[in-house]
Amino acid sequence: MDTIETPPGLAVSVDQDAVVIRVERQAAMPILSILLHSKFSDGPRMDVLCTPYTNKMIEALMASASLTEYMGQREGMAQALSPVIELVKESAERENLPADEAASLMQLSIYPYNAT
């Protein structure tokens, strides 16, 4: 397994089958910020919004910093998420998704926030 030189708080190793990334707790916030900005950028893409890999990485980084409740309840997120919600609604309509699938897609897209 090859080790890649990284900044303090981060360790990356690569072999033929896997990329292993080890993040120290104090380094979790910058990576969480990068993931959230990529997910909720000005031009969100459905493949980034709804991928379970992004959501699981966000979940792990939030848990490492005890931010899960805080992130989910942030005020003003319903308004801030309106462009993302609109994108998901349009995509669901184009794909003729049933209401339950569209609702599931919406939950995946706005994770880790609540739209209520």
PDB file of N, CA and C in Angstrom:
ATOM      1  N   MET A   1       0.846  -1.170   0.000  1.00  0.00           N
ATOM      2  CA  MET A   1       0.000   0.000   0.000  1.00  0.00           C
ATOM      3  C   MET A   1       0.895   1.237   0.000  1.00  0.00           C
ATOM      4  N   ASP A   2       0.661   2.147  -0.924  1.00  0.00           N
ATOM      5  CA  ASP A   2       1.431   3.383  -1.010  1.00  0.00           C
ATOM      6  C   ASP A   2       0.810   4.449  -0.115  1.00  0.00           C
ATOM      7  N   THR A   3       1.661   5.184   0.588  1.00  0.00           N
ATOM      8  CA  THR A   3       1.194   6.281   1.427  1.00  0.00           C
ATOM      9  C   THR A   3       1.443   7.585   0.690  1.00  0.00           C
ATOM     10  N   ILE A   4       0.440   8.453   0.696  1.00  0.00           N
ATOM     11  CA  ILE A   4       0.537   9.740   0.020  1.00  0.00           C
ATOM     12  C   ILE A   4       0.815  10.814   1.064  1.00  0.00           C
ATOM     13  N   GLU A   5       1.723  11.729   0.742  1.00  0.00           N
ATOM     14  CA  GLU A   5       2.030  12.819   1.668  1.00  0.00           C
ATOM     15  C   GLU A   5       0.811  13.729   1.812  1.00  0.00           C
ATOM     16  N   THR A   6       0.441  14.039   3.054  1.00  0.00           N
ATOM     17  CA  THR A   6      -0.758  14.819   3.331  1.00  0.00           C
ATOM     18  C   THR A   6      -0.470  15.860   4.407  1.00  0.00           C
ATOM     19  N   PRO A   7      -1.374  16.821   4.574  1.00  0.00           N
ATOM     20  CA  PRO A   7      -1.221  17.783   5.668  1.00  0.00           C
ATOM     21  C   PRO A   7      -1.479  17.104   7.013  1.00  0.00           C
ATOM     22  N   PRO A   8      -1.083  17.748   8.120  1.00  0.00           N
ATOM     23  CA  PRO A   8      -1.337  17.158   9.444  1.00  0.00           C
ATOM     24  C   PRO A   8      -2.823  16.889   9.655  1.00  0.00           C
ATOM     25  N   GLY A   9      -3.135  15.772  10.307  1.00  0.00           N
ATOM     26  CA  GLY A   9      -4.518  15.411  10.597  1.00  0.00           C
ATOM     27  C   GLY A   9      -5.152  14.515   9.554  1.00  0.00           C
ATOM     28  N   LEU A  10      -4.420  14.230   8.493  1.00  0.00           N
ATOM     29  CA  LEU A  10      -4.970  13.436   7.395  1.00  0.00           C
ATOM     30  C   LEU A  10      -3.926  12.417   6.959  1.00  0.00           C
ATOM     31  N   ALA A  11      -4.347  11.181   6.730  1.00  0.00           N
ATOM     32  CA  ALA A  11      -3.465  10.134   6.219  1.00  0.00           C
ATOM     33  C   ALA A  11      -4.182   9.425   5.073  1.00  0.00           C
ATOM     34  N   VAL A  12      -3.494   9.269   3.957  1.00  0.00           N
ATOM     35  CA  VAL A  12      -4.085   8.617   2.785  1.00  0.00           C
ATOM     36  C   VAL A  12      -3.156   7.515   2.304  1.00  0.00           C
ATOM     37  N   SER A  13      -3.729   6.328   2.120  1.00  0.00           N
ATOM     38  CA  SER A  13      -2.998   5.192   1.573  1.00  0.00           C
ATOM     39  C   SER A  13      -3.774   4.645   0.387  1.00  0.00           C
ATOM     40  N   VAL A  14      -3.044   4.158  -0.610  1.00  0.00           N
ATOM     41  CA  VAL A  14      -3.674   3.652  -1.832  1.00  0.00           C
ATOM     42  C   VAL A  14      -3.065   2.302  -2.186  1.00  0.00           C
ATOM     43  N   ASP A  15      -3.933   1.345  -2.523  1.00  0.00           N
ATOM     44  CA  ASP A  15      -3.465   0.100  -3.114  1.00  0.00           C
ATOM     45  C   ASP A  15      -4.346  -0.192  -4.322  1.00  0.00           C
ATOM     46  N   GLN A  16      -4.265  -1.389  -4.865  1.00  0.00           N
ATOM     47  CA  GLN A  16      -5.031  -1.709  -6.069  1.00  0.00           C
ATOM     48  C   GLN A  16      -6.534  -1.710  -5.839  1.00  0.00           C
ATOM     49  N   ASP A  17      -6.980  -2.010  -4.609  1.00  0.00           N
ATOM     50  CA  ASP A  17      -8.403  -2.174  -4.344  1.00  0.00           C
ATOM     51  C   ASP A  17      -9.052  -1.041  -3.562  1.00  0.00           C
ATOM     52  N   ALA A  18      -8.254  -0.211  -2.915  1.00  0.00           N
ATOM     53  CA  ALA A  18      -8.880   0.759  -2.017  1.00  0.00           C
ATOM     54  C   ALA A  18      -8.041   2.019  -1.837  1.00  0.00           C
ATOM     55  N   VAL A  19      -8.746   3.078  -1.498  1.00  0.00           N
ATOM     56  CA  VAL A  19      -8.131   4.312  -1.024  1.00  0.00           C
ATOM     57  C   VAL A  19      -8.572   4.437   0.435  1.00  0.00           C
ATOM     58  N   VAL A  20      -7.622   4.466   1.344  1.00  0.00           N
ATOM     59  CA  VAL A  20      -7.928   4.546   2.763  1.00  0.00           C
ATOM     60  C   VAL A  20      -7.562   5.948   3.246  1.00  0.00           C
ATOM     61  N   ILE A  21      -8.575   6.659   3.778  1.00  0.00           N
ATOM     62  CA  ILE A  21      -8.365   8.016   4.267  1.00  0.00           C
ATOM     63  C   ILE A  21      -8.660   8.027   5.764  1.00  0.00           C
ATOM     64  N   ARG A  22      -7.692   8.461   6.532  1.00  0.00           N
ATOM     65  CA  ARG A  22      -7.849   8.563   7.986  1.00  0.00           C
ATOM     66  C   ARG A  22      -7.816  10.052   8.337  1.00  0.00           C
ATOM     67  N   VAL A  23      -8.883  10.502   9.001  1.00  0.00           N
ATOM     68  CA  VAL A  23      -9.028  11.909   9.344  1.00  0.00           C
ATOM     69  C   VAL A  23      -9.075  12.041  10.858  1.00  0.00           C
ATOM     70  N   GLU A  24      -8.185  12.848  11.422  1.00  0.00           N
ATOM     71  CA  GLU A  24      -8.254  13.121  12.856  1.00  0.00           C
ATOM     72  C   GLU A  24      -9.422  14.054  13.117  1.00  0.00           C
ATOM     73  N   ARG A  25     -10.012  13.949  14.304  1.00  0.00           N
ATOM     74  CA  ARG A  25     -11.226  14.711  14.618  1.00  0.00           C
ATOM     75  C   ARG A  25     -11.085  16.203  14.353  1.00  0.00           C
ATOM     76  N   GLN A  26      -9.961  16.793  14.733  1.00  0.00           N
ATOM     77  CA  GLN A  26      -9.820  18.232  14.557  1.00  0.00           C
ATOM     78  C   GLN A  26      -9.731  18.632  13.083  1.00  0.00           C
ATOM     79  N   ALA A  27      -9.476  17.687  12.207  1.00  0.00           N
ATOM     80  CA  ALA A  27      -9.409  17.979  10.773  1.00  0.00           C
ATOM     81  C   ALA A  27     -10.732  17.694  10.071  1.00  0.00           C
ATOM     82  N   ALA A  28     -11.742  17.249  10.809  1.00  0.00           N
ATOM     83  CA  ALA A  28     -13.013  16.858  10.187  1.00  0.00           C
ATOM     84  C   ALA A  28     -13.794  18.055   9.632  1.00  0.00           C
ATOM     85  N   MET A  29     -13.795  19.178  10.319  1.00  0.00           N
ATOM     86  CA  MET A  29     -14.620  20.318   9.902  1.00  0.00           C
ATOM     87  C   MET A  29     -14.283  20.853   8.509  1.00  0.00           C
ATOM     88  N   PRO A  30     -13.006  21.047   8.155  1.00  0.00           N
ATOM     89  CA  PRO A  30     -12.733  21.534   6.797  1.00  0.00           C
ATOM     90  C   PRO A  30     -13.221  20.570   5.714  1.00  0.00           C
ATOM     91  N   ILE A  31     -13.089  19.274   5.965  1.00  0.00           N
ATOM     92  CA  ILE A  31     -13.542  18.286   4.976  1.00  0.00           C
ATOM     93  C   ILE A  31     -15.060  18.272   4.903  1.00  0.00           C
ATOM     94  N   LEU A  32     -15.726  18.384   6.051  1.00  0.00           N
ATOM     95  CA  LEU A  32     -17.187  18.482   6.068  1.00  0.00           C
ATOM     96  C   LEU A  32     -17.636  19.707   5.279  1.00  0.00           C
ATOM     97  N   SER A  33     -16.973  20.816   5.463  1.00  0.00           N
ATOM     98  CA  SER A  33     -17.311  22.045   4.743  1.00  0.00           C
ATOM     99  C   SER A  33     -17.175  21.855   3.230  1.00  0.00           C
ATOM    100  N   ILE A  34     -16.112  21.197   2.804  1.00  0.00           N
ATOM    101  CA  ILE A  34     -15.907  20.934   1.371  1.00  0.00           C
ATOM    102  C   ILE A  34     -17.037  20.079   0.817  1.00  0.00           C
ATOM    103  N   LEU A  35     -17.409  19.022   1.537  1.00  0.00           N
ATOM    104  CA  LEU A  35     -18.485  18.138   1.069  1.00  0.00           C
ATOM    105  C   LEU A  35     -19.815  18.874   0.985  1.00  0.00           C
ATOM    106  N   LEU A  36     -20.134  19.679   2.012  1.00  0.00           N
ATOM    107  CA  LEU A  36     -21.401  20.413   1.994  1.00  0.00           C
ATOM    108  C   LEU A  36     -21.423  21.454   0.882  1.00  0.00           C
ATOM    109  N   HIS A  37     -20.297  22.132   0.655  1.00  0.00           N
ATOM    110  CA  HIS A  37     -20.263  23.111  -0.431  1.00  0.00           C
ATOM    111  C   HIS A  37     -20.364  22.446  -1.799  1.00  0.00           C
ATOM    112  N   SER A  38     -19.788  21.253  -1.943  1.00  0.00           N
ATOM    113  CA  SER A  38     -19.913  20.574  -3.239  1.00  0.00           C
ATOM    114  C   SER A  38     -21.335  20.076  -3.453  1.00  0.00           C
ATOM    115  N   LYS A  39     -22.004  19.685  -2.372  1.00  0.00           N
ATOM    116  CA  LYS A  39     -23.361  19.170  -2.482  1.00  0.00           C
ATOM    117  C   LYS A  39     -24.370  20.282  -2.730  1.00  0.00           C
ATOM    118  N   PHE A  40     -24.171  21.434  -2.106  1.00  0.00           N
ATOM    119  CA  PHE A  40     -25.142  22.528  -2.198  1.00  0.00           C
ATOM    120  C   PHE A  40     -24.562  23.746  -2.907  1.00  0.00           C
ATOM    121  N   SER A  41     -23.802  23.516  -3.941  1.00  0.00           N
ATOM    122  CA  SER A  41     -23.209  24.632  -4.682  1.00  0.00           C
ATOM    123  C   SER A  41     -24.287  25.387  -5.455  1.00  0.00           C
ATOM    124  N   ASP A  42     -23.894  26.485  -6.084  1.00  0.00           N
ATOM    125  CA  ASP A  42     -24.849  27.292  -6.845  1.00  0.00           C
ATOM    126  C   ASP A  42     -25.491  26.515  -7.988  1.00  0.00           C
ATOM    127  N   GLY A  43     -24.789  25.558  -8.518  1.00  0.00           N
ATOM    128  CA  GLY A  43     -25.338  24.737  -9.595  1.00  0.00           C
ATOM    129  C   GLY A  43     -25.332  23.279  -9.197  1.00  0.00           C
ATOM    130  N   PRO A  44     -26.188  22.887  -8.229  1.00  0.00           N
ATOM    131  CA  PRO A  44     -26.134  21.506  -7.735  1.00  0.00           C
ATOM    132  C   PRO A  44     -26.427  20.497  -8.838  1.00  0.00           C
ATOM    133  N   ARG A  45     -25.749  19.359  -8.756  1.00  0.00           N
ATOM    134  CA  ARG A  45     -25.959  18.277  -9.715  1.00  0.00           C
ATOM    135  C   ARG A  45     -26.592  17.110  -8.986  1.00  0.00           C
ATOM    136  N   MET A  46     -27.523  16.442  -9.633  1.00  0.00           N
ATOM    137  CA  MET A  46     -28.254  15.346  -9.000  1.00  0.00           C
ATOM    138  C   MET A  46     -27.325  14.215  -8.558  1.00  0.00           C
ATOM    139  N   ASP A  47     -26.262  13.930  -9.322  1.00  0.00           N
ATOM    140  CA  ASP A  47     -25.389  12.821  -8.955  1.00  0.00           C
ATOM    141  C   ASP A  47     -24.613  13.116  -7.673  1.00  0.00           C
ATOM    142  N   VAL A  48     -24.368  14.391  -7.361  1.00  0.00           N
ATOM    143  CA  VAL A  48     -23.709  14.755  -6.113  1.00  0.00           C
ATOM    144  C   VAL A  48     -24.734  14.868  -4.989  1.00  0.00           C
ATOM    145  N   LEU A  49     -25.903  15.438  -5.290  1.00  0.00           N
ATOM    146  CA  LEU A  49     -26.929  15.645  -4.274  1.00  0.00           C
ATOM    147  C   LEU A  49     -27.399  14.343  -3.647  1.00  0.00           C
ATOM    148  N   CYS A  50     -27.543  13.312  -4.439  1.00  0.00           N
ATOM    149  CA  CYS A  50     -28.234  12.101  -3.985  1.00  0.00           C
ATOM    150  C   CYS A  50     -27.337  10.891  -3.770  1.00  0.00           C
ATOM    151  N   THR A  51     -26.046  11.032  -3.949  1.00  0.00           N
ATOM    152  CA  THR A  51     -25.201   9.859  -3.793  1.00  0.00           C
ATOM    153  C   THR A  51     -25.093   9.435  -2.326  1.00  0.00           C
ATOM    154  N   PRO A  52     -25.263   8.159  -2.049  1.00  0.00           N
ATOM    155  CA  PRO A  52     -25.154   7.701  -0.657  1.00  0.00           C
ATOM    156  C   PRO A  52     -23.731   7.844  -0.118  1.00  0.00           C
ATOM    157  N   TYR A  53     -22.722   7.848  -0.991  1.00  0.00           N
ATOM    158  CA  TYR A  53     -21.342   7.984  -0.539  1.00  0.00           C
ATOM    159  C   TYR A  53     -21.117   9.356   0.092  1.00  0.00           C
ATOM    160  N   THR A  54     -21.605  10.390  -0.567  1.00  0.00           N
ATOM    161  CA  THR A  54     -21.472  11.746  -0.026  1.00  0.00           C
ATOM    162  C   THR A  54     -22.200  11.842   1.303  1.00  0.00           C
ATOM    163  N   ASN A  55     -23.427  11.337   1.356  1.00  0.00           N
ATOM    164  CA  ASN A  55     -24.196  11.410   2.595  1.00  0.00           C
ATOM    165  C   ASN A  55     -23.511  10.668   3.739  1.00  0.00           C
ATOM    166  N   LYS A  56     -22.951   9.503   3.481  1.00  0.00           N
ATOM    167  CA  LYS A  56     -22.291   8.737   4.540  1.00  0.00           C
ATOM    168  C   LYS A  56     -21.026   9.436   5.028  1.00  0.00           C
ATOM    169  N   MET A  57     -20.271  10.045   4.120  1.00  0.00           N
ATOM    170  CA  MET A  57     -19.089  10.786   4.546  1.00  0.00           C
ATOM    171  C   MET A  57     -19.490  11.994   5.384  1.00  0.00           C
ATOM    172  N   ILE A  58     -20.542  12.703   4.959  1.00  0.00           N
ATOM    173  CA  ILE A  58     -21.047  13.837   5.731  1.00  0.00           C
ATOM    174  C   ILE A  58     -21.495  13.371   7.111  1.00  0.00           C
ATOM    175  N   GLU A  59     -22.225  12.270   7.152  1.00  0.00           N
ATOM    176  CA  GLU A  59     -22.715  11.731   8.422  1.00  0.00           C
ATOM    177  C   GLU A  59     -21.558  11.393   9.363  1.00  0.00           C
ATOM    178  N   ALA A  60     -20.527  10.736   8.852  1.00  0.00           N
ATOM    179  CA  ALA A  60     -19.385  10.352   9.682  1.00  0.00           C
ATOM    180  C   ALA A  60     -18.643  11.582  10.196  1.00  0.00           C
ATOM    181  N   LEU A  61     -18.453  12.569   9.344  1.00  0.00           N
ATOM    182  CA  LEU A  61     -17.738  13.773   9.766  1.00  0.00           C
ATOM    183  C   LEU A  61     -18.545  14.574  10.776  1.00  0.00           C
ATOM    184  N   MET A  62     -19.866  14.629  10.603  1.00  0.00           N
ATOM    185  CA  MET A  62     -20.706  15.322  11.577  1.00  0.00           C
ATOM    186  C   MET A  62     -20.671  14.602  12.918  1.00  0.00           C
ATOM    187  N   ALA A  63     -20.732  13.282  12.905  1.00  0.00           N
ATOM    188  CA  ALA A  63     -20.710  12.507  14.148  1.00  0.00           C
ATOM    189  C   ALA A  63     -19.383  12.696  14.875  1.00  0.00           C
ATOM    190  N   SER A  64     -18.297  12.811  14.126  1.00  0.00           N
ATOM    191  CA  SER A  64     -16.986  12.968  14.758  1.00  0.00           C
ATOM    192  C   SER A  64     -16.879  14.273  15.523  1.00  0.00           C
ATOM    193  N   ALA A  65     -17.632  15.276  15.108  1.00  0.00           N
ATOM    194  CA  ALA A  65     -17.592  16.583  15.767  1.00  0.00           C
ATOM    195  C   ALA A  65     -18.866  16.856  16.570  1.00  0.00           C
ATOM    196  N   SER A  66     -19.684  15.834  16.768  1.00  0.00           N
ATOM    197  CA  SER A  66     -20.955  15.962  17.516  1.00  0.00           C
ATOM    198  C   SER A  66     -21.838  17.065  16.943  1.00  0.00           C
ATOM    199  N   LEU A  67     -21.961  17.100  15.628  1.00  0.00           N
ATOM    200  CA  LEU A  67     -22.729  18.151  14.955  1.00  0.00           C
ATOM    201  C   LEU A  67     -24.043  17.675  14.368  1.00  0.00           C
ATOM    202  N   THR A  68     -24.380  16.408  14.521  1.00  0.00           N
ATOM    203  CA  THR A  68     -25.542  15.857  13.831  1.00  0.00           C
ATOM    204  C   THR A  68     -26.817  16.622  14.142  1.00  0.00           C
ATOM    205  N   GLU A  69     -27.122  16.824  15.409  1.00  0.00           N
ATOM    206  CA  GLU A  69     -28.343  17.555  15.784  1.00  0.00           C
ATOM    207  C   GLU A  69     -28.276  19.002  15.343  1.00  0.00           C
ATOM    208  N   TYR A  70     -27.147  19.629  15.550  1.00  0.00           N
ATOM    209  CA  TYR A  70     -26.975  21.039  15.187  1.00  0.00           C
ATOM    210  C   TYR A  70     -27.213  21.268  13.692  1.00  0.00           C
ATOM    211  N   MET A  71     -26.594  20.424  12.865  1.00  0.00           N
ATOM    212  CA  MET A  71     -26.713  20.608  11.414  1.00  0.00           C
ATOM    213  C   MET A  71     -28.150  20.386  10.961  1.00  0.00           C
ATOM    214  N   GLY A  72     -28.800  19.375  11.519  1.00  0.00           N
ATOM    215  CA  GLY A  72     -30.157  19.063  11.103  1.00  0.00           C
ATOM    216  C   GLY A  72     -31.182  20.124  11.459  1.00  0.00           C
ATOM    217  N   GLN A  73     -30.901  20.907  12.491  1.00  0.00           N
ATOM    218  CA  GLN A  73     -31.882  21.876  12.978  1.00  0.00           C
ATOM    219  C   GLN A  73     -31.523  23.327  12.649  1.00  0.00           C
ATOM    220  N   ARG A  74     -30.553  23.561  11.804  1.00  0.00           N
ATOM    221  CA  ARG A  74     -30.131  24.935  11.533  1.00  0.00           C
ATOM    222  C   ARG A  74     -31.272  25.766  10.982  1.00  0.00           C
ATOM    223  N   GLU A  75     -31.451  26.946  11.555  1.00  0.00           N
ATOM    224  CA  GLU A  75     -32.518  27.844  11.128  1.00  0.00           C
ATOM    225  C   GLU A  75     -32.215  28.398   9.741  1.00  0.00           C
ATOM    226  N   GLY A  76     -33.263  28.634   9.005  1.00  0.00           N
ATOM    227  CA  GLY A  76     -33.118  29.232   7.688  1.00  0.00           C
ATOM    228  C   GLY A  76     -32.772  28.259   6.581  1.00  0.00           C
ATOM    229  N   MET A  77     -32.612  26.985   6.906  1.00  0.00           N
ATOM    230  CA  MET A  77     -32.211  26.035   5.871  1.00  0.00           C
ATOM    231  C   MET A  77     -33.328  25.754   4.878  1.00  0.00           C
ATOM    232  N   ALA A  78     -34.589  25.819   5.312  1.00  0.00           N
ATOM    233  CA  ALA A  78     -35.689  25.601   4.366  1.00  0.00           C
ATOM    234  C   ALA A  78     -35.606  26.615   3.234  1.00  0.00           C
ATOM    235  N   GLN A  79     -35.349  27.860   3.570  1.00  0.00           N
ATOM    236  CA  GLN A  79     -35.221  28.901   2.548  1.00  0.00           C
ATOM    237  C   GLN A  79     -33.954  28.690   1.714  1.00  0.00           C
ATOM    238  N   ALA A  80     -32.851  28.373   2.375  1.00  0.00           N
ATOM    239  CA  ALA A  80     -31.590  28.184   1.665  1.00  0.00           C
ATOM    240  C   ALA A  80     -31.633  26.982   0.725  1.00  0.00           C
ATOM    241  N   LEU A  81     -32.438  25.976   1.079  1.00  0.00           N
ATOM    242  CA  LEU A  81     -32.511  24.760   0.265  1.00  0.00           C
ATOM    243  C   LEU A  81     -33.498  24.870  -0.888  1.00  0.00           C
ATOM    244  N   SER A  82     -34.218  25.973  -0.998  1.00  0.00           N
ATOM    245  CA  SER A  82     -35.265  26.059  -2.024  1.00  0.00           C
ATOM    246  C   SER A  82     -34.757  25.795  -3.443  1.00  0.00           C
ATOM    247  N   PRO A  83     -33.561  26.267  -3.857  1.00  0.00           N
ATOM    248  CA  PRO A  83     -33.099  25.916  -5.214  1.00  0.00           C
ATOM    249  C   PRO A  83     -32.857  24.414  -5.386  1.00  0.00           C
ATOM    250  N   VAL A  84     -32.342  23.771  -4.338  1.00  0.00           N
ATOM    251  CA  VAL A  84     -32.097  22.326  -4.406  1.00  0.00           C
ATOM    252  C   VAL A  84     -33.422  21.577  -4.489  1.00  0.00           C
ATOM    253  N   ILE A  85     -34.384  21.989  -3.669  1.00  0.00           N
ATOM    254  CA  ILE A  85     -35.698  21.338  -3.672  1.00  0.00           C
ATOM    255  C   ILE A  85     -36.359  21.496  -5.037  1.00  0.00           C
ATOM    256  N   GLU A  86     -36.236  22.665  -5.624  1.00  0.00           N
ATOM    257  CA  GLU A  86     -36.815  22.899  -6.955  1.00  0.00           C
ATOM    258  C   GLU A  86     -36.157  22.007  -8.006  1.00  0.00           C
ATOM    259  N   LEU A  87     -34.833  21.865  -7.938  1.00  0.00           N
ATOM    260  CA  LEU A  87     -34.110  20.997  -8.870  1.00  0.00           C
ATOM    261  C   LEU A  87     -34.586  19.555  -8.744  1.00  0.00           C
ATOM    262  N   VAL A  88     -34.767  19.084  -7.513  1.00  0.00           N
ATOM    263  CA  VAL A  88     -35.215  17.712  -7.295  1.00  0.00           C
ATOM    264  C   VAL A  88     -36.644  17.524  -7.805  1.00  0.00           C
ATOM    265  N   LYS A  89     -37.517  18.495  -7.539  1.00  0.00           N
ATOM    266  CA  LYS A  89     -38.900  18.401  -8.030  1.00  0.00           C
ATOM    267  C   LYS A  89     -38.934  18.320  -9.552  1.00  0.00           C
ATOM    268  N   GLU A  90     -38.164  19.172 -10.206  1.00  0.00           N
ATOM    269  CA  GLU A  90     -38.124  19.156 -11.675  1.00  0.00           C
ATOM    270  C   GLU A  90     -37.593  17.827 -12.194  1.00  0.00           C
ATOM    271  N   SER A  91     -36.571  17.312 -11.552  1.00  0.00           N
ATOM    272  CA  SER A  91     -35.998  16.028 -11.962  1.00  0.00           C
ATOM    273  C   SER A  91     -37.006  14.905 -11.773  1.00  0.00           C
ATOM    274  N   ALA A  92     -37.712  14.903 -10.644  1.00  0.00           N
ATOM    275  CA  ALA A  92     -38.718  13.869 -10.378  1.00  0.00           C
ATOM    276  C   ALA A  92     -39.844  13.929 -11.406  1.00  0.00           C
ATOM    277  N   GLU A  93     -40.262  15.137 -11.765  1.00  0.00           N
ATOM    278  CA  GLU A  93     -41.317  15.286 -12.778  1.00  0.00           C
ATOM    279  C   GLU A  93     -40.846  14.770 -14.133  1.00  0.00           C
ATOM    280  N   ARG A  94     -39.600  15.105 -14.506  1.00  0.00           N
ATOM    281  CA  ARG A  94     -39.063  14.633 -15.790  1.00  0.00           C
ATOM    282  C   ARG A  94     -38.994  13.113 -15.847  1.00  0.00           C
ATOM    283  N   GLU A  95     -38.660  12.512 -14.705  1.00  0.00           N
ATOM    284  CA  GLU A  95     -38.512  11.059 -14.631  1.00  0.00           C
ATOM    285  C   GLU A  95     -39.825  10.351 -14.334  1.00  0.00           C
ATOM    286  N   ASN A  96     -40.923  11.089 -14.166  1.00  0.00           N
ATOM    287  CA  ASN A  96     -42.233  10.523 -13.834  1.00  0.00           C
ATOM    288  C   ASN A  96     -42.157   9.599 -12.612  1.00  0.00           C
ATOM    289  N   LEU A  97     -41.455  10.052 -11.589  1.00  0.00           N
ATOM    290  CA  LEU A  97     -41.317   9.242 -10.380  1.00  0.00           C
ATOM    291  C   LEU A  97     -42.592   9.293  -9.555  1.00  0.00           C
ATOM    292  N   PRO A  98     -42.978   8.161  -8.950  1.00  0.00           N
ATOM    293  CA  PRO A  98     -44.119   8.164  -8.035  1.00  0.00           C
ATOM    294  C   PRO A  98     -43.819   9.053  -6.820  1.00  0.00           C
ATOM    295  N   ALA A  99     -44.848   9.475  -6.137  1.00  0.00           N
ATOM    296  CA  ALA A  99     -44.701  10.414  -5.023  1.00  0.00           C
ATOM    297  C   ALA A  99     -43.737   9.905  -3.949  1.00  0.00           C
ATOM    298  N   ASP A 100     -43.806   8.606  -3.600  1.00  0.00           N
ATOM    299  CA  ASP A 100     -42.928   8.102  -2.543  1.00  0.00           C
ATOM    300  C   ASP A 100     -41.466   8.105  -2.968  1.00  0.00           C
ATOM    301  N   GLU A 101     -41.192   7.794  -4.245  1.00  0.00           N
ATOM    302  CA  GLU A 101     -39.813   7.840  -4.738  1.00  0.00           C
ATOM    303  C   GLU A 101     -39.316   9.278  -4.804  1.00  0.00           C
ATOM    304  N   ALA A 102     -40.181  10.184  -5.210  1.00  0.00           N
ATOM    305  CA  ALA A 102     -39.811  11.603  -5.262  1.00  0.00           C
ATOM    306  C   ALA A 102     -39.508  12.118  -3.859  1.00  0.00           C
ATOM    307  N   ALA A 103     -40.309  11.712  -2.870  1.00  0.00           N
ATOM    308  CA  ALA A 103     -40.076  12.130  -1.483  1.00  0.00           C
ATOM    309  C   ALA A 103     -38.747  11.578  -0.966  1.00  0.00           C
ATOM    310  N   SER A 104     -38.448  10.327  -1.300  1.00  0.00           N
ATOM    311  CA  SER A 104     -37.184   9.717  -0.887  1.00  0.00           C
ATOM    312  C   SER A 104     -36.005  10.448  -1.524  1.00  0.00           C
ATOM    313  N   LEU A 105     -36.140  10.773  -2.797  1.00  0.00           N
ATOM    314  CA  LEU A 105     -35.111  11.521  -3.510  1.00  0.00           C
ATOM    315  C   LEU A 105     -34.889  12.878  -2.854  1.00  0.00           C
ATOM    316  N   MET A 106     -35.969  13.518  -2.432  1.00  0.00           N
ATOM    317  CA  MET A 106     -35.871  14.813  -1.767  1.00  0.00           C
ATOM    318  C   MET A 106     -35.106  14.690  -0.454  1.00  0.00           C
ATOM    319  N   GLN A 107     -35.415  13.663   0.338  1.00  0.00           N
ATOM    320  CA  GLN A 107     -34.725  13.478   1.613  1.00  0.00           C
ATOM    321  C   GLN A 107     -33.228  13.249   1.411  1.00  0.00           C
ATOM    322  N   LEU A 108     -32.877  12.432   0.417  1.00  0.00           N
ATOM    323  CA  LEU A 108     -31.464  12.200   0.119  1.00  0.00           C
ATOM    324  C   LEU A 108     -30.776  13.490  -0.298  1.00  0.00           C
ATOM    325  N   SER A 109     -31.472  14.305  -1.053  1.00  0.00           N
ATOM    326  CA  SER A 109     -30.879  15.513  -1.609  1.00  0.00           C
ATOM    327  C   SER A 109     -30.602  16.578  -0.567  1.00  0.00           C
ATOM    328  N   ILE A 110     -31.508  16.752   0.390  1.00  0.00           N
ATOM    329  CA  ILE A 110     -31.319  17.825   1.367  1.00  0.00           C
ATOM    330  C   ILE A 110     -30.572  17.369   2.614  1.00  0.00           C
ATOM    331  N   TYR A 111     -30.291  16.063   2.730  1.00  0.00           N
ATOM    332  CA  TYR A 111     -29.522  15.570   3.868  1.00  0.00           C
ATOM    333  C   TYR A 111     -28.212  16.343   3.969  1.00  0.00           C
ATOM    334  N   PRO A 112     -27.811  16.825   5.113  1.00  0.00           N
ATOM    335  CA  PRO A 112     -28.207  16.514   6.477  1.00  0.00           C
ATOM    336  C   PRO A 112     -29.216  17.501   7.075  1.00  0.00           C
ATOM    337  N   TYR A 113     -29.830  18.326   6.256  1.00  0.00           N
ATOM    338  CA  TYR A 113     -30.739  19.338   6.775  1.00  0.00           C
ATOM    339  C   TYR A 113     -32.178  18.877   6.712  1.00  0.00           C
ATOM    340  N   ASN A 114     -33.038  19.561   7.448  1.00  0.00           N
ATOM    341  CA  ASN A 114     -34.487  19.333   7.399  1.00  0.00           C
ATOM    342  C   ASN A 114     -35.115  20.526   6.701  1.00  0.00           C
ATOM    343  N   ALA A 115     -36.105  20.287   5.883  1.00  0.00           N
ATOM    344  CA  ALA A 115     -36.764  21.370   5.159  1.00  0.00           C
ATOM    345  C   ALA A 115     -37.947  21.931   5.942  1.00  0.00           C
ATOM    346  N   THR A 116     -38.130  21.520   7.181  1.00  0.00           N
ATOM    347  CA  THR A 116     -39.261  22.002   7.970  1.00  0.00           C
ATOM    348  C   THR A 116     -38.814  23.057   8.969  1.00  0.00           C
TER     349      THR A 116
END
